[in-house]
Amino acid sequence: MGKGDKRTKKGKIIAKSYGNSRKHKTKTIYVAPVGEKKVAAAAAKKKVAAAKAEKKEAVAAVAAKEAEAVVEAKVETPVVEKKEKAPAVEKKEETPAVEQTAE
Protein backbone atom coordinates (compact mmCIF):
# COMPACT_ATOMS: atom_id res chain seq x y z
CA MET A 1 0.00 0.00 0.00
CA GLY A 2 2.25 2.67 -1.24
CA LYS A 3 2.54 5.24 -3.96
CA GLY A 4 1.29 2.97 -6.72
CA ASP A 5 -1.95 2.01 -4.97
CA LYS A 6 -4.76 4.24 -6.27
CA ARG A 7 -6.98 3.25 -3.38
CA THR A 8 -4.93 5.10 -0.76
CA LYS A 9 -4.52 8.82 -0.20
CA LYS A 10 -0.81 8.65 -1.05
CA GLY A 11 -1.59 6.79 -4.28
CA LYS A 12 -4.26 9.33 -5.21
CA ILE A 13 -1.79 12.18 -4.65
CA ILE A 14 0.80 10.52 -6.90
CA ALA A 15 -1.80 9.71 -9.59
CA LYS A 16 -3.23 13.27 -9.31
CA SER A 17 -6.76 11.96 -9.01
CA TYR A 18 -9.59 12.41 -6.56
CA GLY A 19 -12.09 10.01 -5.06
CA ASN A 20 -13.35 8.60 -1.77
CA SER A 21 -9.87 8.39 -0.26
CA ARG A 22 -8.89 11.91 -1.33
CA LYS A 23 -11.73 14.41 -1.52
CA HIS A 24 -11.67 18.00 -2.67
CA LYS A 25 -11.86 20.75 -0.11
CA THR A 26 -15.34 22.22 0.08
CA LYS A 27 -15.74 25.92 -0.60
CA THR A 28 -17.61 28.04 1.90
CA ILE A 29 -20.65 29.64 0.28
CA TYR A 30 -22.58 32.50 1.81
CA VAL A 31 -26.23 31.57 2.20
CA ALA A 32 -28.55 34.53 2.68
CA PRO A 33 -31.28 34.19 5.27
CA VAL A 34 -34.71 33.40 3.83
CA GLY A 35 -36.21 36.84 4.49
CA GLU A 36 -33.38 38.67 2.75
CA LYS A 37 -33.60 36.32 -0.20
CA LYS A 38 -37.22 37.20 -0.87
CA VAL A 39 -36.51 40.92 -0.63
CA ALA A 40 -33.52 40.61 -2.96
CA ALA A 41 -35.54 38.57 -5.46
CA ALA A 42 -38.37 41.12 -5.46
CA ALA A 43 -35.91 43.96 -6.01
CA ALA A 44 -34.28 42.08 -8.87
CA LYS A 45 -37.68 41.48 -10.50
CA LYS A 46 -38.49 45.19 -10.25
CA LYS A 47 -35.18 46.09 -11.88
CA VAL A 48 -35.77 43.64 -14.72
CA ALA A 49 -39.32 44.92 -15.26
CA ALA A 50 -38.10 48.53 -15.32
CA ALA A 51 -35.34 47.66 -17.78
CA LYS A 52 -37.83 45.89 -20.08
CA ALA A 53 -40.18 48.89 -19.97
CA GLU A 54 -37.34 51.27 -20.85
CA LYS A 55 -36.27 49.03 -23.70
CA LYS A 56 -39.83 48.91 -25.10
CA GLU A 57 -40.07 52.72 -24.93
CA ALA A 58 -36.72 53.11 -26.66
CA VAL A 59 -37.70 50.67 -29.42
CA ALA A 60 -41.02 52.47 -29.91
CA ALA A 61 -39.24 55.85 -30.14
CA VAL A 62 -36.75 54.54 -32.68
CA ALA A 63 -39.55 52.98 -34.74
CA ALA A 64 -41.47 56.28 -34.73
CA LYS A 65 -38.39 58.19 -35.88
CA GLU A 66 -37.75 55.68 -38.66
CA ALA A 67 -41.37 55.92 -39.79
CA GLU A 68 -41.10 59.71 -39.95
CA ALA A 69 -37.86 59.46 -41.91
CA VAL A 70 -39.48 57.08 -44.39
CA VAL A 71 -42.42 59.42 -44.90
CA GLU A 72 -40.11 62.40 -45.43
CA ALA A 73 -37.79 60.52 -47.72
CA LYS A 74 -40.58 59.13 -49.86
CA VAL A 75 -40.14 60.58 -53.33
CA GLU A 76 -43.01 60.74 -55.71
CA THR A 77 -42.23 58.73 -58.78
CA PRO A 78 -43.03 60.43 -62.08
CA VAL A 79 -45.99 59.04 -63.92
CA VAL A 80 -45.18 58.26 -67.51
CA GLU A 81 -48.03 58.77 -69.88
CA LYS A 82 -48.40 56.06 -72.43
CA LYS A 83 -48.41 57.35 -75.96
CA GLU A 84 -50.95 55.89 -78.27
CA LYS A 85 -49.49 54.09 -81.18
CA ALA A 86 -50.33 55.38 -84.62
CA PRO A 87 -52.64 53.04 -86.45
CA ALA A 88 -50.72 50.55 -88.47
CA VAL A 89 -50.77 51.18 -92.19
CA GLU A 90 -52.13 48.16 -93.90
CA LYS A 91 -50.32 47.16 -97.00
CA LYS A 92 -52.50 45.96 -99.76
CA GLU A 93 -51.38 42.74 -101.17
CA GLU A 94 -51.19 42.62 -104.88
CA THR A 95 -52.89 39.60 -106.24
CA PRO A 96 -51.30 38.16 -109.34
CA ALA A 97 -53.49 38.47 -112.36
CA VAL A 98 -54.91 35.18 -113.43
CA GLU A 99 -54.62 34.70 -117.11
CA GLN A 100 -57.34 32.78 -118.71
CA THR A 101 -56.53 31.03 -121.86
CA ALA A 102 -59.19 30.36 -124.36
CA GLU A 103 -59.66 26.81 -125.12
PDB file of N, CA and C in Angstrom:
ATOM      1  N   MET A   1       0.837  -1.169   0.000  1.00  0.00           N
ATOM      2  CA  MET A   1       0.000   0.000   0.000  1.00  0.00           C
ATOM      3  C   MET A   1       0.885   1.237   0.000  1.00  0.00           C
ATOM      4  N   GLY A   2       1.338   1.535  -1.161  1.00  0.00           N
ATOM      5  CA  GLY A   2       2.246   2.671  -1.243  1.00  0.00           C
ATOM      6  C   GLY A   2       1.809   3.654  -2.319  1.00  0.00           C
ATOM      7  N   LYS A   3       2.807   4.198  -2.982  1.00  0.00           N
ATOM      8  CA  LYS A   3       2.543   5.241  -3.964  1.00  0.00           C
ATOM      9  C   LYS A   3       1.784   4.717  -5.189  1.00  0.00           C
ATOM     10  N   GLY A   4       1.924   3.500  -5.526  1.00  0.00           N
ATOM     11  CA  GLY A   4       1.288   2.969  -6.717  1.00  0.00           C
ATOM     12  C   GLY A   4      -0.143   2.518  -6.506  1.00  0.00           C
ATOM     13  N   ASP A   5      -0.595   2.480  -5.260  1.00  0.00           N
ATOM     14  CA  ASP A   5      -1.949   2.006  -4.970  1.00  0.00           C
ATOM     15  C   ASP A   5      -2.929   3.178  -5.073  1.00  0.00           C
ATOM     16  N   LYS A   6      -3.831   3.133  -6.054  1.00  0.00           N
ATOM     17  CA  LYS A   6      -4.761   4.244  -6.269  1.00  0.00           C
ATOM     18  C   LYS A   6      -5.890   4.273  -5.251  1.00  0.00           C
ATOM     19  N   ARG A   7      -5.925   3.275  -4.373  1.00  0.00           N
ATOM     20  CA  ARG A   7      -6.985   3.247  -3.377  1.00  0.00           C
ATOM     21  C   ARG A   7      -6.615   4.022  -2.115  1.00  0.00           C
ATOM     22  N   THR A   8      -5.358   4.391  -1.968  1.00  0.00           N
ATOM     23  CA  THR A   8      -4.926   5.102  -0.758  1.00  0.00           C
ATOM     24  C   THR A   8      -4.747   6.576  -1.069  1.00  0.00           C
ATOM     25  N   LYS A   9      -4.684   7.388  -0.016  1.00  0.00           N
ATOM     26  CA  LYS A   9      -4.520   8.825  -0.204  1.00  0.00           C
ATOM     27  C   LYS A   9      -3.183   9.124  -0.871  1.00  0.00           C
ATOM     28  N   LYS A  10      -2.140   8.431  -0.471  1.00  0.00           N
ATOM     29  CA  LYS A  10      -0.812   8.647  -1.051  1.00  0.00           C
ATOM     30  C   LYS A  10      -0.824   8.280  -2.537  1.00  0.00           C
ATOM     31  N   GLY A  11      -1.499   7.204  -2.889  1.00  0.00           N
ATOM     32  CA  GLY A  11      -1.590   6.792  -4.285  1.00  0.00           C
ATOM     33  C   GLY A  11      -2.400   7.785  -5.116  1.00  0.00           C
ATOM     34  N   LYS A  12      -3.442   8.333  -4.512  1.00  0.00           N
ATOM     35  CA  LYS A  12      -4.259   9.330  -5.207  1.00  0.00           C
ATOM     36  C   LYS A  12      -3.446  10.596  -5.463  1.00  0.00           C
ATOM     37  N   ILE A  13      -2.624  10.986  -4.484  1.00  0.00           N
ATOM     38  CA  ILE A  13      -1.795  12.181  -4.651  1.00  0.00           C
ATOM     39  C   ILE A  13      -0.808  11.972  -5.793  1.00  0.00           C
ATOM     40  N   ILE A  14      -0.163  10.820  -5.841  1.00  0.00           N
ATOM     41  CA  ILE A  14       0.804  10.523  -6.896  1.00  0.00           C
ATOM     42  C   ILE A  14       0.113  10.470  -8.264  1.00  0.00           C
ATOM     43  N   ALA A  15      -1.073   9.857  -8.318  1.00  0.00           N
ATOM     44  CA  ALA A  15      -1.796   9.713  -9.586  1.00  0.00           C
ATOM     45  C   ALA A  15      -2.524  11.002  -9.973  1.00  0.00           C
ATOM     46  N   LYS A  16      -2.547  11.990  -9.083  1.00  0.00           N
ATOM     47  CA  LYS A  16      -3.226  13.273  -9.307  1.00  0.00           C
ATOM     48  C   LYS A  16      -4.700  13.071  -9.617  1.00  0.00           C
ATOM     49  N   SER A  17      -5.340  12.218  -8.828  1.00  0.00           N
ATOM     50  CA  SER A  17      -6.762  11.963  -9.012  1.00  0.00           C
ATOM     51  C   SER A  17      -7.469  12.170  -7.685  1.00  0.00           C
ATOM     52  N   TYR A  18      -8.784  12.203  -7.755  1.00  0.00           N
ATOM     53  CA  TYR A  18      -9.595  12.409  -6.563  1.00  0.00           C
ATOM     54  C   TYR A  18     -10.597  11.276  -6.458  1.00  0.00           C
ATOM     55  N   GLY A  19     -11.109  11.068  -5.281  1.00  0.00           N
ATOM     56  CA  GLY A  19     -12.091  10.013  -5.063  1.00  0.00           C
ATOM     57  C   GLY A  19     -12.444   9.928  -3.597  1.00  0.00           C
ATOM     58  N   ASN A  20     -12.923   8.756  -3.149  1.00  0.00           N
ATOM     59  CA  ASN A  20     -13.351   8.600  -1.767  1.00  0.00           C
ATOM     60  C   ASN A  20     -12.193   8.740  -0.796  1.00  0.00           C
ATOM     61  N   SER A  21     -11.019   8.305  -1.158  1.00  0.00           N
ATOM     62  CA  SER A  21      -9.868   8.385  -0.262  1.00  0.00           C
ATOM     63  C   SER A  21      -9.257   9.778  -0.231  1.00  0.00           C
ATOM     64  N   ARG A  22      -9.470  10.563  -1.259  1.00  0.00           N
ATOM     65  CA  ARG A  22      -8.889  11.909  -1.330  1.00  0.00           C
ATOM     66  C   ARG A  22      -9.937  12.844  -1.923  1.00  0.00           C
ATOM     67  N   LYS A  23     -10.634  13.543  -1.078  1.00  0.00           N
ATOM     68  CA  LYS A  23     -11.728  14.406  -1.515  1.00  0.00           C
ATOM     69  C   LYS A  23     -11.236  15.836  -1.690  1.00  0.00           C
ATOM     70  N   HIS A  24     -11.960  16.568  -2.496  1.00  0.00           N
ATOM     71  CA  HIS A  24     -11.669  17.995  -2.671  1.00  0.00           C
ATOM     72  C   HIS A  24     -12.078  18.754  -1.416  1.00  0.00           C
ATOM     73  N   LYS A  25     -11.435  19.900  -1.209  1.00  0.00           N
ATOM     74  CA  LYS A  25     -11.857  20.747  -0.111  1.00  0.00           C
ATOM     75  C   LYS A  25     -13.149  21.448  -0.526  1.00  0.00           C
ATOM     76  N   THR A  26     -14.076  21.562   0.397  1.00  0.00           N
ATOM     77  CA  THR A  26     -15.342  22.221   0.079  1.00  0.00           C
ATOM     78  C   THR A  26     -15.166  23.716   0.238  1.00  0.00           C
ATOM     79  N   LYS A  27     -15.800  24.457  -0.668  1.00  0.00           N
ATOM     80  CA  LYS A  27     -15.741  25.918  -0.602  1.00  0.00           C
ATOM     81  C   LYS A  27     -16.855  26.401   0.307  1.00  0.00           C
ATOM     82  N   THR A  28     -16.579  27.471   1.041  1.00  0.00           N
ATOM     83  CA  THR A  28     -17.610  28.035   1.897  1.00  0.00           C
ATOM     84  C   THR A  28     -18.436  29.003   1.048  1.00  0.00           C
ATOM     85  N   ILE A  29     -19.736  28.819   1.073  1.00  0.00           N
ATOM     86  CA  ILE A  29     -20.646  29.640   0.284  1.00  0.00           C
ATOM     87  C   ILE A  29     -21.551  30.389   1.244  1.00  0.00           C
ATOM     88  N   TYR A  30     -21.711  31.696   0.976  1.00  0.00           N
ATOM     89  CA  TYR A  30     -22.584  32.500   1.810  1.00  0.00           C
ATOM     90  C   TYR A  30     -24.029  32.194   1.426  1.00  0.00           C
ATOM     91  N   VAL A  31     -24.816  31.844   2.408  1.00  0.00           N
ATOM     92  CA  VAL A  31     -26.231  31.571   2.198  1.00  0.00           C
ATOM     93  C   VAL A  31     -27.011  32.667   2.894  1.00  0.00           C
ATOM     94  N   ALA A  32     -27.773  33.432   2.104  1.00  0.00           N
ATOM     95  CA  ALA A  32     -28.546  34.526   2.676  1.00  0.00           C
ATOM     96  C   ALA A  32     -29.733  33.969   3.446  1.00  0.00           C
ATOM     97  N   PRO A  33     -30.083  34.620   4.544  1.00  0.00           N
ATOM     98  CA  PRO A  33     -31.277  34.191   5.275  1.00  0.00           C
ATOM     99  C   PRO A  33     -32.515  34.285   4.367  1.00  0.00           C
ATOM    100  N   VAL A  34     -33.530  33.527   4.685  1.00  0.00           N
ATOM    101  CA  VAL A  34     -34.713  33.403   3.834  1.00  0.00           C
ATOM    102  C   VAL A  34     -35.389  34.745   3.605  1.00  0.00           C
ATOM    103  N   GLY A  35     -35.534  35.542   4.614  1.00  0.00           N
ATOM    104  CA  GLY A  35     -36.211  36.837   4.491  1.00  0.00           C
ATOM    105  C   GLY A  35     -35.474  37.764   3.525  1.00  0.00           C
ATOM    106  N   GLU A  36     -34.172  37.812   3.619  1.00  0.00           N
ATOM    107  CA  GLU A  36     -33.382  38.672   2.749  1.00  0.00           C
ATOM    108  C   GLU A  36     -33.435  38.186   1.298  1.00  0.00           C
ATOM    109  N   LYS A  37     -33.548  36.888   1.130  1.00  0.00           N
ATOM    110  CA  LYS A  37     -33.596  36.316  -0.204  1.00  0.00           C
ATOM    111  C   LYS A  37     -34.844  36.796  -0.944  1.00  0.00           C
ATOM    112  N   LYS A  38     -35.971  36.778  -0.242  1.00  0.00           N
ATOM    113  CA  LYS A  38     -37.222  37.197  -0.869  1.00  0.00           C
ATOM    114  C   LYS A  38     -37.177  38.671  -1.237  1.00  0.00           C
ATOM    115  N   VAL A  39     -36.617  39.490  -0.358  1.00  0.00           N
ATOM    116  CA  VAL A  39     -36.513  40.922  -0.627  1.00  0.00           C
ATOM    117  C   VAL A  39     -35.585  41.162  -1.816  1.00  0.00           C
ATOM    118  N   ALA A  40     -34.469  40.452  -1.859  1.00  0.00           N
ATOM    119  CA  ALA A  40     -33.520  40.612  -2.957  1.00  0.00           C
ATOM    120  C   ALA A  40     -34.132  40.156  -4.277  1.00  0.00           C
ATOM    121  N   ALA A  41     -34.901  39.070  -4.242  1.00  0.00           N
ATOM    122  CA  ALA A  41     -35.539  38.573  -5.458  1.00  0.00           C
ATOM    123  C   ALA A  41     -36.579  39.555  -5.961  1.00  0.00           C
ATOM    124  N   ALA A  42     -37.352  40.145  -5.066  1.00  0.00           N
ATOM    125  CA  ALA A  42     -38.372  41.117  -5.455  1.00  0.00           C
ATOM    126  C   ALA A  42     -37.718  42.358  -6.065  1.00  0.00           C
ATOM    127  N   ALA A  43     -36.611  42.793  -5.472  1.00  0.00           N
ATOM    128  CA  ALA A  43     -35.907  43.959  -6.006  1.00  0.00           C
ATOM    129  C   ALA A  43     -35.339  43.660  -7.394  1.00  0.00           C
ATOM    130  N   ALA A  44     -34.824  42.464  -7.569  1.00  0.00           N
ATOM    131  CA  ALA A  44     -34.283  42.081  -8.867  1.00  0.00           C
ATOM    132  C   ALA A  44     -35.379  42.044  -9.927  1.00  0.00           C
ATOM    133  N   LYS A  45     -36.555  41.528  -9.556  1.00  0.00           N
ATOM    134  CA  LYS A  45     -37.677  41.480 -10.496  1.00  0.00           C
ATOM    135  C   LYS A  45     -38.100  42.890 -10.902  1.00  0.00           C
ATOM    136  N   LYS A  46     -38.120  43.803  -9.940  1.00  0.00           N
ATOM    137  CA  LYS A  46     -38.486  45.187 -10.246  1.00  0.00           C
ATOM    138  C   LYS A  46     -37.487  45.820 -11.209  1.00  0.00           C
ATOM    139  N   LYS A  47     -36.204  45.547 -10.984  1.00  0.00           N
ATOM    140  CA  LYS A  47     -35.177  46.090 -11.880  1.00  0.00           C
ATOM    141  C   LYS A  47     -35.333  45.551 -13.291  1.00  0.00           C
ATOM    142  N   VAL A  48     -35.602  44.266 -13.399  1.00  0.00           N
ATOM    143  CA  VAL A  48     -35.769  43.638 -14.718  1.00  0.00           C
ATOM    144  C   VAL A  48     -36.988  44.215 -15.421  1.00  0.00           C
ATOM    145  N   ALA A  49     -38.092  44.376 -14.679  1.00  0.00           N
ATOM    146  CA  ALA A  49     -39.318  44.924 -15.261  1.00  0.00           C
ATOM    147  C   ALA A  49     -39.093  46.360 -15.729  1.00  0.00           C
ATOM    148  N   ALA A  50     -38.382  47.149 -14.941  1.00  0.00           N
ATOM    149  CA  ALA A  50     -38.101  48.532 -15.320  1.00  0.00           C
ATOM    150  C   ALA A  50     -37.214  48.580 -16.566  1.00  0.00           C
ATOM    151  N   ALA A  51     -36.232  47.700 -16.626  1.00  0.00           N
ATOM    152  CA  ALA A  51     -35.341  47.664 -17.784  1.00  0.00           C
ATOM    153  C   ALA A  51     -36.111  47.275 -19.038  1.00  0.00           C
ATOM    154  N   LYS A  52     -37.022  46.303 -18.924  1.00  0.00           N
ATOM    155  CA  LYS A  52     -37.830  45.888 -20.076  1.00  0.00           C
ATOM    156  C   LYS A  52     -38.717  47.036 -20.549  1.00  0.00           C
ATOM    157  N   ALA A  53     -39.320  47.766 -19.604  1.00  0.00           N
ATOM    158  CA  ALA A  53     -40.185  48.890 -19.967  1.00  0.00           C
ATOM    159  C   ALA A  53     -39.385  49.974 -20.692  1.00  0.00           C
ATOM    160  N   GLU A  54     -38.188  50.273 -20.202  1.00  0.00           N
ATOM    161  CA  GLU A  54     -37.339  51.275 -20.846  1.00  0.00           C
ATOM    162  C   GLU A  54     -36.951  50.838 -22.252  1.00  0.00           C
ATOM    163  N   LYS A  55     -36.667  49.556 -22.388  1.00  0.00           N
ATOM    164  CA  LYS A  55     -36.274  49.030 -23.701  1.00  0.00           C
ATOM    165  C   LYS A  55     -37.435  49.146 -24.685  1.00  0.00           C
ATOM    166  N   LYS A  56     -38.658  48.799 -24.235  1.00  0.00           N
ATOM    167  CA  LYS A  56     -39.826  48.914 -25.104  1.00  0.00           C
ATOM    168  C   LYS A  56     -40.047  50.356 -25.538  1.00  0.00           C
ATOM    169  N   GLU A  57     -39.899  51.300 -24.604  1.00  0.00           N
ATOM    170  CA  GLU A  57     -40.075  52.715 -24.928  1.00  0.00           C
ATOM    171  C   GLU A  57     -39.023  53.172 -25.939  1.00  0.00           C
ATOM    172  N   ALA A  58     -37.791  52.728 -25.740  1.00  0.00           N
ATOM    173  CA  ALA A  58     -36.717  53.113 -26.655  1.00  0.00           C
ATOM    174  C   ALA A  58     -36.961  52.548 -28.053  1.00  0.00           C
ATOM    175  N   VAL A  59     -37.416  51.299 -28.120  1.00  0.00           N
ATOM    176  CA  VAL A  59     -37.701  50.669 -29.417  1.00  0.00           C
ATOM    177  C   VAL A  59     -38.847  51.395 -30.102  1.00  0.00           C
ATOM    178  N   ALA A  60     -39.879  51.763 -29.341  1.00  0.00           N
ATOM    179  CA  ALA A  60     -41.017  52.471 -29.911  1.00  0.00           C
ATOM    180  C   ALA A  60     -40.591  53.841 -30.434  1.00  0.00           C
ATOM    181  N   ALA A  61     -39.717  54.533 -29.705  1.00  0.00           N
ATOM    182  CA  ALA A  61     -39.242  55.845 -30.142  1.00  0.00           C
ATOM    183  C   ALA A  61     -38.422  55.735 -31.420  1.00  0.00           C
ATOM    184  N   VAL A  62     -37.567  54.733 -31.487  1.00  0.00           N
ATOM    185  CA  VAL A  62     -36.747  54.542 -32.683  1.00  0.00           C
ATOM    186  C   VAL A  62     -37.634  54.199 -33.880  1.00  0.00           C
ATOM    187  N   ALA A  63     -38.636  53.361 -33.659  1.00  0.00           N
ATOM    188  CA  ALA A  63     -39.545  52.981 -34.740  1.00  0.00           C
ATOM    189  C   ALA A  63     -40.320  54.194 -35.247  1.00  0.00           C
ATOM    190  N   ALA A  64     -40.741  55.071 -34.334  1.00  0.00           N
ATOM    191  CA  ALA A  64     -41.465  56.276 -34.733  1.00  0.00           C
ATOM    192  C   ALA A  64     -40.571  57.201 -35.559  1.00  0.00           C
ATOM    193  N   LYS A  65     -39.319  57.344 -35.132  1.00  0.00           N
ATOM    194  CA  LYS A  65     -38.388  58.193 -35.884  1.00  0.00           C
ATOM    195  C   LYS A  65     -38.131  57.629 -37.268  1.00  0.00           C
ATOM    196  N   GLU A  66     -37.987  56.303 -37.357  1.00  0.00           N
ATOM    197  CA  GLU A  66     -37.754  55.677 -38.661  1.00  0.00           C
ATOM    198  C   GLU A  66     -38.965  55.846 -39.567  1.00  0.00           C
ATOM    199  N   ALA A  67     -40.156  55.749 -39.000  1.00  0.00           N
ATOM    200  CA  ALA A  67     -41.375  55.921 -39.790  1.00  0.00           C
ATOM    201  C   ALA A  67     -41.456  57.344 -40.332  1.00  0.00           C
ATOM    202  N   GLU A  68     -41.098  58.318 -39.502  1.00  0.00           N
ATOM    203  CA  GLU A  68     -41.102  59.710 -39.952  1.00  0.00           C
ATOM    204  C   GLU A  68     -40.076  59.918 -41.058  1.00  0.00           C
ATOM    205  N   ALA A  69     -38.917  59.314 -40.902  1.00  0.00           N
ATOM    206  CA  ALA A  69     -37.864  59.462 -41.908  1.00  0.00           C
ATOM    207  C   ALA A  69     -38.302  58.845 -43.234  1.00  0.00           C
ATOM    208  N   VAL A  70     -39.010  57.734 -43.171  1.00  0.00           N
ATOM    209  CA  VAL A  70     -39.480  57.076 -44.394  1.00  0.00           C
ATOM    210  C   VAL A  70     -40.512  57.947 -45.085  1.00  0.00           C
ATOM    211  N   VAL A  71     -41.397  58.563 -44.313  1.00  0.00           N
ATOM    212  CA  VAL A  71     -42.423  59.418 -44.903  1.00  0.00           C
ATOM    213  C   VAL A  71     -41.770  60.630 -45.548  1.00  0.00           C
ATOM    214  N   GLU A  72     -40.791  61.230 -44.881  1.00  0.00           N
ATOM    215  CA  GLU A  72     -40.113  62.403 -45.426  1.00  0.00           C
ATOM    216  C   GLU A  72     -39.286  62.054 -46.648  1.00  0.00           C
ATOM    217  N   ALA A  73     -38.678  60.898 -46.636  1.00  0.00           N
ATOM    218  CA  ALA A  73     -37.790  60.516 -47.721  1.00  0.00           C
ATOM    219  C   ALA A  73     -38.536  59.949 -48.921  1.00  0.00           C
ATOM    220  N   LYS A  74     -39.821  59.715 -48.772  1.00  0.00           N
ATOM    221  CA  LYS A  74     -40.579  59.126 -49.862  1.00  0.00           C
ATOM    222  C   LYS A  74     -40.657  60.122 -51.007  1.00  0.00           C
ATOM    223  N   VAL A  75     -40.176  59.718 -52.153  1.00  0.00           N
ATOM    224  CA  VAL A  75     -40.138  60.585 -53.327  1.00  0.00           C
ATOM    225  C   VAL A  75     -41.233  60.117 -54.273  1.00  0.00           C
ATOM    226  N   GLU A  76     -41.928  61.088 -54.798  1.00  0.00           N
ATOM    227  CA  GLU A  76     -43.006  60.737 -55.705  1.00  0.00           C
ATOM    228  C   GLU A  76     -42.409  60.335 -57.041  1.00  0.00           C
ATOM    229  N   THR A  77     -42.766  59.196 -57.502  1.00  0.00           N
ATOM    230  CA  THR A  77     -42.228  58.726 -58.780  1.00  0.00           C
ATOM    231  C   THR A  77     -43.014  59.355 -59.908  1.00  0.00           C
ATOM    232  N   PRO A  78     -42.324  59.789 -60.967  1.00  0.00           N
ATOM    233  CA  PRO A  78     -43.031  60.435 -62.076  1.00  0.00           C
ATOM    234  C   PRO A  78     -43.906  59.412 -62.806  1.00  0.00           C
ATOM    235  N   VAL A  79     -45.065  59.907 -63.202  1.00  0.00           N
ATOM    236  CA  VAL A  79     -45.992  59.045 -63.923  1.00  0.00           C
ATOM    237  C   VAL A  79     -45.736  59.239 -65.404  1.00  0.00           C
ATOM    238  N   VAL A  80     -45.457  58.179 -66.082  1.00  0.00           N
ATOM    239  CA  VAL A  80     -45.182  58.258 -67.514  1.00  0.00           C
ATOM    240  C   VAL A  80     -46.474  57.990 -68.255  1.00  0.00           C
ATOM    241  N   GLU A  81     -46.816  58.950 -69.106  1.00  0.00           N
ATOM    242  CA  GLU A  81     -48.031  58.767 -69.884  1.00  0.00           C
ATOM    243  C   GLU A  81     -47.716  57.877 -71.070  1.00  0.00           C
ATOM    244  N   LYS A  82     -48.607  56.966 -71.304  1.00  0.00           N
ATOM    245  CA  LYS A  82     -48.400  56.063 -72.429  1.00  0.00           C
ATOM    246  C   LYS A  82     -48.886  56.760 -73.694  1.00  0.00           C
ATOM    247  N   LYS A  83     -48.036  56.749 -74.682  1.00  0.00           N
ATOM    248  CA  LYS A  83     -48.413  57.346 -75.956  1.00  0.00           C
ATOM    249  C   LYS A  83     -49.175  56.304 -76.758  1.00  0.00           C
ATOM    250  N   GLU A  84     -50.187  56.804 -77.446  1.00  0.00           N
ATOM    251  CA  GLU A  84     -50.953  55.886 -78.269  1.00  0.00           C
ATOM    252  C   GLU A  84     -50.183  55.634 -79.552  1.00  0.00           C
ATOM    253  N   LYS A  85     -50.185  54.429 -79.954  1.00  0.00           N
ATOM    254  CA  LYS A  85     -49.490  54.092 -81.182  1.00  0.00           C
ATOM    255  C   LYS A  85     -50.330  54.546 -82.369  1.00  0.00           C
ATOM    256  N   ALA A  86     -49.640  54.995 -83.404  1.00  0.00           N
ATOM    257  CA  ALA A  86     -50.335  55.379 -84.620  1.00  0.00           C
ATOM    258  C   ALA A  86     -50.915  54.114 -85.247  1.00  0.00           C
ATOM    259  N   PRO A  87     -52.063  54.243 -85.857  1.00  0.00           N
ATOM    260  CA  PRO A  87     -52.643  53.038 -86.452  1.00  0.00           C
ATOM    261  C   PRO A  87     -51.708  52.475 -87.511  1.00  0.00           C
ATOM    262  N   ALA A  88     -51.617  51.206 -87.526  1.00  0.00           N
ATOM    263  CA  ALA A  88     -50.719  50.546 -88.466  1.00  0.00           C
ATOM    264  C   ALA A  88     -51.265  50.715 -89.883  1.00  0.00           C
ATOM    265  N   VAL A  89     -50.376  51.019 -90.786  1.00  0.00           N
ATOM    266  CA  VAL A  89     -50.774  51.177 -92.188  1.00  0.00           C
ATOM    267  C   VAL A  89     -50.829  49.793 -92.798  1.00  0.00           C
ATOM    268  N   GLU A  90     -51.966  49.477 -93.304  1.00  0.00           N
ATOM    269  CA  GLU A  90     -52.128  48.161 -93.896  1.00  0.00           C
ATOM    270  C   GLU A  90     -51.624  48.194 -95.327  1.00  0.00           C
ATOM    271  N   LYS A  91     -50.819  47.253 -95.632  1.00  0.00           N
ATOM    272  CA  LYS A  91     -50.321  47.156 -96.998  1.00  0.00           C
ATOM    273  C   LYS A  91     -51.284  46.277 -97.777  1.00  0.00           C
ATOM    274  N   LYS A  92     -51.608  46.755 -98.922  1.00  0.00           N
ATOM    275  CA  LYS A  92     -52.501  45.961 -99.764  1.00  0.00           C
ATOM    276  C   LYS A  92     -51.653  44.956-100.509  1.00  0.00           C
ATOM    277  N   GLU A  93     -52.105  43.764-100.469  1.00  0.00           N
ATOM    278  CA  GLU A  93     -51.379  42.738-101.174  1.00  0.00           C
ATOM    279  C   GLU A  93     -51.826  42.733-102.639  1.00  0.00           C
ATOM    280  N   GLU A  94     -50.854  42.658-103.461  1.00  0.00           N
ATOM    281  CA  GLU A  94     -51.186  42.617-104.882  1.00  0.00           C
ATOM    282  C   GLU A  94     -51.438  41.166-105.255  1.00  0.00           C
ATOM    283  N   THR A  95     -52.578  40.955-105.824  1.00  0.00           N
ATOM    284  CA  THR A  95     -52.889  39.598-106.240  1.00  0.00           C
ATOM    285  C   THR A  95     -52.417  39.423-107.673  1.00  0.00           C
ATOM    286  N   PRO A  96     -51.766  38.340-107.953  1.00  0.00           N
ATOM    287  CA  PRO A  96     -51.298  38.160-109.337  1.00  0.00           C
ATOM    288  C   PRO A  96     -52.515  37.961-110.259  1.00  0.00           C
ATOM    289  N   ALA A  97     -52.385  38.556-111.386  1.00  0.00           N
ATOM    290  CA  ALA A  97     -53.493  38.466-112.356  1.00  0.00           C
ATOM    291  C   ALA A  97     -53.558  37.046-112.897  1.00  0.00           C
ATOM    292  N   VAL A  98     -54.723  36.528-112.950  1.00  0.00           N
ATOM    293  CA  VAL A  98     -54.912  35.179-113.435  1.00  0.00           C
ATOM    294  C   VAL A  98     -55.203  35.274-114.934  1.00  0.00           C
ATOM    295  N   GLU A  99     -54.410  34.665-115.659  1.00  0.00           N
ATOM    296  CA  GLU A  99     -54.617  34.698-117.105  1.00  0.00           C
ATOM    297  C   GLU A  99     -55.481  33.532-117.525  1.00  0.00           C
ATOM    298  N   GLN A 100     -56.471  33.851-118.229  1.00  0.00           N
ATOM    299  CA  GLN A 100     -57.340  32.776-118.707  1.00  0.00           C
ATOM    300  C   GLN A 100     -57.007  32.535-120.160  1.00  0.00           C
ATOM    301  N   THR A 101     -56.820  31.351-120.476  1.00  0.00           N
ATOM    302  CA  THR A 101     -56.534  31.027-121.864  1.00  0.00           C
ATOM    303  C   THR A 101     -57.805  30.476-122.506  1.00  0.00           C
ATOM    304  N   ALA A 102     -57.994  30.829-123.674  1.00  0.00           N
ATOM    305  CA  ALA A 102     -59.186  30.362-124.359  1.00  0.00           C
ATOM    306  C   ALA A 102     -58.952  28.958-124.882  1.00  0.00           C
ATOM    307  N   GLU A 103     -59.806  28.183-124.626  1.00  0.00           N
ATOM    308  CA  GLU A 103     -59.659  26.811-125.118  1.00  0.00           C
ATOM    309  C   GLU A 103     -60.659  26.521-126.154  1.00  0.00           C
TER     310      GLU A 103
END
